[in-house]
Amino acid sequence: MKHLCPLWFMLYCLFASVHANGAEQTLRVLAWPGYADSDVVSVFEKRFKVKVEVTLVGSDEVLRSKLTENHGGDFDVIAANTAEIHNYVNQGLLQPVVPDRIANTARQLPRFRDYSRIPDIVVGGQVYAIPYVWSDMGLIYDRKQFDQPPESIEGMWDPRFQGRVLAFNTGNHNFSIASLAMGGDPFRIKPDDFPRVTAKLIALRRNVLTFYSLPEEAAELFRSHSVALIFANYGRQQLKQLRDTGADVGYVVPREGALAWLDCWAISKGASDTALATAWINYMLEPEVSRAITERQDLSNTLQEPSDASPSNRLIWLRPVEDDERRAALWQRIVSGERPPLGESR
């Protein structure tokens, strides 16, 4: 158990610092809903005799805004997907982590400990984040309307289901899935290919019932409009929500693959106590804590295989895209019904 020594040494230093200062330390956590529930936080606070201050976000845009506001100085530890992690590293907002000092990484499945194969968390030969939870974004389908599960993402464009398809209201992912459907790279669309991908999304807009924003909205539309197919932006969380209402739905990862997000814990460049932030990450990888987020949120943790695991070779982990602003600008015109000039770059 040699790898435990650095962690215990750091914890010793942490407690020495707490008592020396005679004041309660505060760990500032920036995370998504469900990642730091009050009962989970309470156990950590009592164990380490510190206070945990949790700030919750509901979108990557809000997380980005809060982290960059004071160049990372307002938070100690954050939860973000791999694509965001890479962007934050490039902006100098994160500091490297040392997996050997996080004993519970030894509990993780081998593929989540092979950092070199996880896009965007290793930069310049240094590890900047530790995997925590993940979900794929497959297709949810109404079993009553399909004799066989849909095999391809092209089902979203199938004219047989016109007006009975739901897609998510986001330019970033929609450009990715359109490019994927056309056999292209979902994250690096070439300038010359943008007109074709844009035309593909215009065709999608004409085929869908609408573009939803929240899983509750999709569930209501499914019930009231005989929806046949849904792009599951919220993954298996969304599947569970529909099944809990009694919907007879299935879930597939299409043959082209499914976009998938992997949320990780990372330490801010402005962390006031790196040892305490490291202790938090180690705590979040305890079996009881990881099981809790799976049971409560229906997200897959990194310690155990989900009972209905998707084929790992068909998961496409999110990566930074070639031009966020370009995708967003074009998407606003597409979703509003305004046809963008296909040769236009913005």
Protein backbone atom coordinates (compact mmCIF):
# COMPACT_ATOMS: atom_id res chain seq x y z
CA MET A 1 0.00 0.00 0.00
CA LYS A 2 2.91 2.28 -0.67
CA HIS A 3 0.73 4.65 -2.71
CA LEU A 4 -1.22 5.63 0.44
CA CYS A 5 1.73 7.36 2.10
CA PRO A 6 1.65 10.64 0.17
CA LEU A 7 -2.08 11.05 0.84
CA TRP A 8 -1.73 10.44 4.59
CA PHE A 9 1.21 12.79 4.72
CA MET A 10 -0.86 15.48 3.05
CA LEU A 11 -3.76 14.90 5.43
CA TYR A 12 -1.39 15.20 8.36
CA CYS A 13 -0.23 18.54 7.00
CA LEU A 14 -3.85 19.59 6.50
CA PHE A 15 -4.83 18.92 10.10
CA ALA A 16 -1.66 20.59 11.37
CA SER A 17 -2.58 23.67 9.35
CA VAL A 18 -6.15 23.71 10.66
CA HIS A 19 -5.12 23.55 14.30
CA ALA A 20 -2.23 25.96 13.86
CA ASN A 21 -4.48 28.62 12.44
CA GLY A 22 -7.19 27.97 15.02
CA ALA A 23 -9.82 28.53 12.35
CA GLU A 24 -12.12 26.27 10.34
CA GLN A 25 -11.01 25.84 6.74
CA THR A 26 -13.43 26.08 3.84
CA LEU A 27 -13.34 23.99 0.69
CA ARG A 28 -15.04 25.75 -2.24
CA VAL A 29 -16.65 23.29 -4.68
CA LEU A 30 -18.05 24.14 -8.12
CA ALA A 31 -20.19 21.30 -9.45
CA TRP A 32 -23.38 20.04 -11.06
CA PRO A 33 -26.62 19.25 -9.20
CA GLY A 34 -26.42 15.85 -7.55
CA TYR A 35 -22.63 15.78 -7.39
CA ALA A 36 -22.36 17.15 -3.84
CA ASP A 37 -25.59 16.40 -1.98
CA SER A 38 -25.85 17.74 1.55
CA ASP A 39 -25.57 14.36 3.28
CA VAL A 40 -22.45 13.50 1.27
CA VAL A 41 -20.92 16.89 2.07
CA SER A 42 -21.76 16.54 5.76
CA VAL A 43 -19.73 13.33 6.11
CA PHE A 44 -16.69 15.00 4.54
CA GLU A 45 -17.03 18.05 6.78
CA LYS A 46 -17.16 15.96 9.94
CA ARG A 47 -14.33 13.70 8.89
CA PHE A 48 -11.92 16.52 8.04
CA LYS A 49 -13.32 19.17 10.42
CA VAL A 50 -13.77 21.68 7.63
CA LYS A 51 -16.61 23.56 5.96
CA VAL A 52 -17.60 22.83 2.36
CA GLU A 53 -19.16 25.61 0.30
CA VAL A 54 -20.92 24.22 -2.80
CA THR A 55 -21.84 26.29 -5.85
CA LEU A 56 -24.07 24.50 -8.39
CA VAL A 57 -24.23 25.17 -12.13
CA GLY A 58 -26.70 24.07 -14.78
CA SER A 59 -24.68 24.50 -17.97
CA ASP A 60 -21.13 24.52 -19.28
CA GLU A 61 -21.56 28.20 -20.08
CA VAL A 62 -22.36 29.08 -16.44
CA LEU A 63 -19.54 26.90 -15.14
CA ARG A 64 -17.13 28.59 -17.54
CA SER A 65 -18.28 32.03 -16.47
CA LYS A 66 -17.89 31.33 -12.75
CA LEU A 67 -14.49 29.72 -13.06
CA THR A 68 -13.03 32.45 -15.25
CA GLU A 69 -14.49 35.35 -13.25
CA ASN A 70 -11.52 35.55 -10.88
CA HIS A 71 -9.14 33.38 -12.91
CA GLY A 72 -9.99 30.33 -10.83
CA GLY A 73 -9.48 32.05 -7.51
CA ASP A 74 -13.06 31.66 -6.26
CA PHE A 75 -13.03 27.84 -6.17
CA ASP A 76 -10.77 25.02 -5.03
CA VAL A 77 -12.17 21.99 -6.83
CA ILE A 78 -14.48 21.75 -9.84
CA ALA A 79 -16.42 19.12 -11.79
CA ALA A 80 -16.31 19.47 -15.58
CA ASN A 81 -16.34 17.31 -18.69
CA THR A 82 -13.14 16.44 -20.50
CA ALA A 83 -13.62 18.96 -23.30
CA GLU A 84 -14.03 21.79 -20.79
CA ILE A 85 -11.04 20.55 -18.78
CA HIS A 86 -8.78 20.95 -21.81
CA ASN A 87 -10.04 24.48 -22.42
CA TYR A 88 -9.45 25.42 -18.77
CA VAL A 89 -5.91 24.04 -18.88
CA ASN A 90 -5.18 26.12 -21.97
CA GLN A 91 -6.45 29.19 -20.09
CA GLY A 92 -4.24 28.46 -17.10
CA LEU A 93 -7.21 27.90 -14.77
CA LEU A 94 -6.25 24.45 -13.45
CA GLN A 95 -3.25 22.86 -11.79
CA PRO A 96 -2.01 19.31 -12.30
CA VAL A 97 -3.20 16.52 -10.03
CA VAL A 98 -1.07 13.62 -8.82
CA PRO A 99 -3.07 10.37 -9.12
CA ASP A 100 -0.63 8.55 -6.82
CA ARG A 101 -1.78 10.85 -4.01
CA ILE A 102 -5.41 9.84 -4.55
CA ALA A 103 -5.55 6.33 -3.11
CA ASN A 104 -9.07 5.54 -4.33
CA THR A 105 -8.07 5.81 -7.98
CA ALA A 106 -6.89 2.22 -7.43
CA ARG A 107 -10.59 1.27 -7.12
CA GLN A 108 -11.47 2.64 -10.57
CA LEU A 109 -12.00 0.51 -13.64
CA PRO A 110 -8.77 0.12 -15.65
CA ARG A 111 -9.99 2.22 -18.58
CA PHE A 112 -10.51 5.21 -16.29
CA ARG A 113 -6.98 4.89 -14.91
CA ASP A 114 -5.35 4.83 -18.35
CA TYR A 115 -5.16 8.61 -18.56
CA SER A 116 -3.27 8.62 -21.84
CA ARG A 117 -6.37 7.20 -23.55
CA ILE A 118 -8.83 9.70 -22.10
CA PRO A 119 -9.00 12.73 -24.36
CA ASP A 120 -8.05 16.11 -22.92
CA ILE A 121 -7.17 15.39 -19.31
CA VAL A 122 -3.46 14.93 -20.02
CA VAL A 123 -1.84 18.10 -21.31
CA GLY A 124 1.88 18.55 -21.70
CA GLY A 125 2.47 15.18 -20.08
CA GLN A 126 0.66 16.14 -16.87
CA VAL A 127 -2.71 14.87 -15.57
CA TYR A 128 -5.20 17.65 -14.84
CA ALA A 129 -8.35 15.75 -13.83
CA ILE A 130 -9.63 12.50 -12.33
CA PRO A 131 -12.66 10.79 -13.98
CA TYR A 132 -15.81 10.64 -11.84
CA VAL A 133 -19.09 9.94 -13.69
CA TRP A 134 -20.15 9.50 -17.30
CA SER A 135 -23.06 8.98 -19.67
CA ASP A 136 -23.52 8.33 -23.36
CA MET A 137 -26.07 10.22 -25.48
CA GLY A 138 -27.86 7.57 -27.46
CA LEU A 139 -31.33 7.28 -28.98
CA ILE A 140 -34.52 6.66 -27.00
CA TYR A 141 -37.26 5.04 -29.06
CA ASP A 142 -40.91 4.12 -28.60
CA ARG A 143 -41.06 0.34 -28.70
CA LYS A 144 -44.62 0.48 -30.06
CA GLN A 145 -43.49 2.34 -33.17
CA PHE A 146 -40.42 0.23 -34.00
CA ASP A 147 -40.44 -3.45 -35.00
CA GLN A 148 -36.68 -3.46 -34.44
CA PRO A 149 -34.53 -0.97 -32.50
CA PRO A 150 -33.19 1.82 -34.73
CA GLU A 151 -29.67 1.05 -35.89
CA SER A 152 -28.49 4.40 -37.20
CA ILE A 153 -28.48 8.01 -36.14
CA GLU A 154 -29.99 8.65 -39.57
CA GLY A 155 -33.30 7.63 -37.98
CA MET A 156 -33.62 11.23 -36.82
CA TRP A 157 -33.92 12.25 -40.47
CA ASP A 158 -36.27 9.40 -41.46
CA PRO A 159 -39.30 10.95 -43.21
CA ARG A 160 -41.51 8.15 -41.85
CA PHE A 161 -41.20 9.79 -38.44
CA GLN A 162 -41.56 13.40 -39.54
CA GLY A 163 -43.03 15.42 -36.69
CA ARG A 164 -42.35 12.62 -34.20
CA VAL A 165 -38.64 13.19 -33.56
CA LEU A 166 -37.18 15.23 -30.71
CA ALA A 167 -33.69 16.70 -30.84
CA PHE A 168 -31.84 18.81 -28.30
CA ASN A 169 -31.58 22.57 -28.68
CA THR A 170 -27.84 23.02 -28.96
CA GLY A 171 -25.67 23.96 -31.88
CA ASN A 172 -22.55 22.27 -30.57
CA HIS A 173 -23.88 18.72 -30.27
CA ASN A 174 -26.16 18.99 -33.30
CA PHE A 175 -23.31 19.93 -35.61
CA SER A 176 -21.39 16.99 -34.14
CA ILE A 177 -24.16 14.43 -34.72
CA ALA A 178 -24.86 15.77 -38.23
CA SER A 179 -21.18 15.44 -39.12
CA LEU A 180 -21.12 11.98 -37.53
CA ALA A 181 -24.17 10.92 -39.57
CA MET A 182 -22.33 12.02 -42.72
CA GLY A 183 -19.24 10.01 -41.83
CA GLY A 184 -17.19 13.00 -40.72
CA ASP A 185 -15.30 14.01 -37.60
CA PRO A 186 -17.88 15.25 -35.05
CA PHE A 187 -15.49 17.75 -33.47
CA ARG A 188 -13.36 18.98 -36.36
CA ILE A 189 -15.60 20.02 -39.24
CA LYS A 190 -13.53 21.33 -42.13
CA PRO A 191 -14.42 24.78 -43.48
CA ASP A 192 -15.40 23.33 -46.86
CA ASP A 193 -17.72 20.82 -45.16
CA PHE A 194 -19.73 23.35 -43.16
CA PRO A 195 -22.22 24.06 -45.98
CA ARG A 196 -23.13 20.34 -46.26
CA VAL A 197 -23.39 19.87 -42.50
CA THR A 198 -25.51 23.03 -42.22
CA ALA A 199 -27.83 21.74 -44.93
CA LYS A 200 -28.09 18.46 -43.01
CA LEU A 201 -29.24 20.35 -39.91
CA ILE A 202 -31.77 22.35 -41.90
CA ALA A 203 -33.21 19.01 -43.01
CA LEU A 204 -33.29 17.89 -39.38
CA ARG A 205 -35.21 21.00 -38.36
CA ARG A 206 -37.82 20.15 -40.97
CA ASN A 207 -38.15 16.57 -39.72
CA VAL A 208 -38.35 17.10 -35.95
CA LEU A 209 -41.36 18.00 -33.87
CA THR A 210 -39.19 20.48 -31.99
CA PHE A 211 -35.89 20.96 -30.18
CA TYR A 212 -36.21 20.50 -26.42
CA SER A 213 -34.10 22.02 -23.65
CA LEU A 214 -34.98 20.08 -20.50
CA PRO A 215 -35.60 16.35 -20.00
CA GLU A 216 -38.97 17.11 -18.36
CA GLU A 217 -39.98 18.97 -21.51
CA ALA A 218 -39.01 15.98 -23.68
CA ALA A 219 -40.97 13.61 -21.42
CA GLU A 220 -44.12 15.74 -21.71
CA LEU A 221 -43.76 16.01 -25.50
CA PHE A 222 -43.28 12.25 -25.73
CA ARG A 223 -46.57 11.67 -23.94
CA SER A 224 -48.60 14.29 -25.76
CA HIS A 225 -47.34 13.96 -29.36
CA SER A 226 -46.71 10.24 -29.95
CA VAL A 227 -42.99 10.86 -30.31
CA ALA A 228 -41.12 7.94 -31.88
CA LEU A 229 -37.47 8.91 -31.42
CA ILE A 230 -35.49 11.17 -29.07
CA PHE A 231 -31.86 12.21 -29.13
CA ALA A 232 -31.03 11.62 -25.46
CA ASN A 233 -28.83 14.56 -24.57
CA TYR A 234 -29.21 13.62 -20.89
CA GLY A 235 -28.46 9.97 -21.61
CA ARG A 236 -29.73 7.29 -19.28
CA GLN A 237 -30.97 9.87 -16.77
CA GLN A 238 -33.52 10.76 -19.42
CA LEU A 239 -34.33 7.13 -20.15
CA LYS A 240 -35.00 6.47 -16.46
CA GLN A 241 -37.25 9.51 -16.22
CA LEU A 242 -39.41 8.30 -19.10
CA ARG A 243 -39.60 4.75 -17.78
CA ASP A 244 -40.58 6.05 -14.35
CA THR A 245 -43.65 7.59 -16.00
CA GLY A 246 -44.60 4.20 -17.47
CA ALA A 247 -43.36 4.86 -21.02
CA ASP A 248 -42.47 1.71 -22.98
CA VAL A 249 -39.17 2.93 -24.40
CA GLY A 250 -35.87 1.41 -25.41
CA TYR A 251 -32.37 2.85 -25.69
CA VAL A 252 -29.66 2.22 -28.27
CA VAL A 253 -26.19 3.41 -29.18
CA PRO A 254 -26.35 3.77 -32.98
CA ARG A 255 -23.83 2.03 -35.20
CA GLU A 256 -22.06 5.34 -35.90
CA GLY A 257 -21.41 5.66 -32.18
CA ALA A 258 -22.77 7.96 -29.47
CA LEU A 259 -21.38 11.18 -28.12
CA ALA A 260 -20.46 10.64 -24.48
CA TRP A 261 -19.42 12.95 -21.70
CA LEU A 262 -17.03 12.10 -18.90
CA ASP A 263 -17.15 14.47 -15.94
CA CYS A 264 -13.99 14.75 -13.88
CA TRP A 265 -12.81 16.42 -10.69
CA ALA A 266 -10.05 18.99 -11.12
CA ILE A 267 -8.21 21.43 -8.87
CA SER A 268 -8.37 25.13 -9.62
CA LYS A 269 -5.18 27.10 -10.15
CA GLY A 270 -6.37 29.39 -7.37
CA ALA A 271 -7.07 26.61 -4.84
CA SER A 272 -6.30 27.82 -1.32
CA ASP A 273 -5.43 24.31 -0.10
CA THR A 274 -4.37 21.70 -2.64
CA ALA A 275 -4.19 18.95 0.00
CA LEU A 276 -7.81 19.49 1.02
CA ALA A 277 -8.93 19.57 -2.64
CA THR A 278 -7.09 16.29 -3.22
CA ALA A 279 -8.75 14.77 -0.16
CA TRP A 280 -12.16 15.75 -1.62
CA ILE A 281 -11.43 13.98 -4.90
CA ASN A 282 -10.31 10.89 -3.01
CA TYR A 283 -13.50 10.98 -0.93
CA MET A 284 -15.72 11.26 -4.00
CA LEU A 285 -14.19 8.01 -5.26
CA GLU A 286 -15.17 6.06 -2.15
CA PRO A 287 -17.53 3.21 -3.11
CA GLU A 288 -20.45 4.54 -1.05
CA VAL A 289 -20.22 8.01 -2.59
CA SER A 290 -19.86 6.74 -6.15
CA ARG A 291 -22.76 4.32 -5.70
CA ALA A 292 -24.92 7.13 -4.35
CA ILE A 293 -24.61 9.24 -7.50
CA THR A 294 -25.45 6.20 -9.63
CA GLU A 295 -28.50 5.33 -7.55
CA ARG A 296 -29.77 8.90 -7.26
CA GLN A 297 -28.90 10.31 -10.69
CA ASP A 298 -28.69 7.15 -12.83
CA LEU A 299 -25.23 8.18 -13.96
CA SER A 300 -22.46 5.63 -14.47
CA ASN A 301 -19.61 5.89 -11.99
CA THR A 302 -16.00 4.96 -12.68
CA LEU A 303 -15.74 2.17 -10.10
CA GLN A 304 -18.22 -0.35 -11.50
CA GLU A 305 -19.57 -1.37 -14.88
CA PRO A 306 -23.21 -0.41 -15.44
CA SER A 307 -25.55 -3.37 -15.78
CA ASP A 308 -26.46 -2.29 -19.33
CA ALA A 309 -23.10 -0.90 -20.42
CA SER A 310 -22.80 0.48 -23.94
CA PRO A 311 -20.10 -0.95 -26.24
CA SER A 312 -17.01 1.01 -25.22
CA ASN A 313 -15.71 1.10 -28.80
CA ARG A 314 -18.82 3.04 -29.85
CA LEU A 315 -18.54 5.80 -27.26
CA ILE A 316 -17.21 9.08 -28.66
CA TRP A 317 -15.96 11.18 -25.77
CA LEU A 318 -16.62 14.88 -26.16
CA ARG A 319 -13.70 16.92 -27.45
CA PRO A 320 -13.22 20.66 -27.97
CA VAL A 321 -14.70 21.65 -31.34
CA GLU A 322 -13.12 23.60 -34.16
CA ASP A 323 -15.14 26.80 -33.62
CA ASP A 324 -17.75 27.18 -30.86
CA GLU A 325 -18.81 30.64 -31.98
CA ARG A 326 -19.33 29.63 -35.59
CA ARG A 327 -21.51 26.68 -34.60
CA ALA A 328 -23.57 28.81 -32.20
CA ALA A 329 -24.16 31.57 -34.76
CA LEU A 330 -25.19 29.17 -37.51
CA TRP A 331 -27.39 27.19 -35.15
CA GLN A 332 -29.36 30.26 -34.08
CA ARG A 333 -30.21 30.93 -37.71
CA ILE A 334 -31.10 27.30 -38.40
CA VAL A 335 -33.36 26.84 -35.38
CA SER A 336 -35.13 30.15 -36.03
CA GLY A 337 -36.01 29.03 -39.54
CA GLU A 338 -33.69 31.51 -41.23
CA ARG A 339 -31.70 29.67 -43.87
CA PRO A 340 -28.04 30.63 -43.55
CA PRO A 341 -26.23 31.26 -46.85
CA LEU A 342 -24.42 27.93 -47.20
CA GLY A 343 -21.11 29.51 -48.12
CA GLU A 344 -21.23 31.86 -45.13
CA SER A 345 -18.59 31.36 -42.44
CA ARG A 346 -20.54 33.14 -39.70
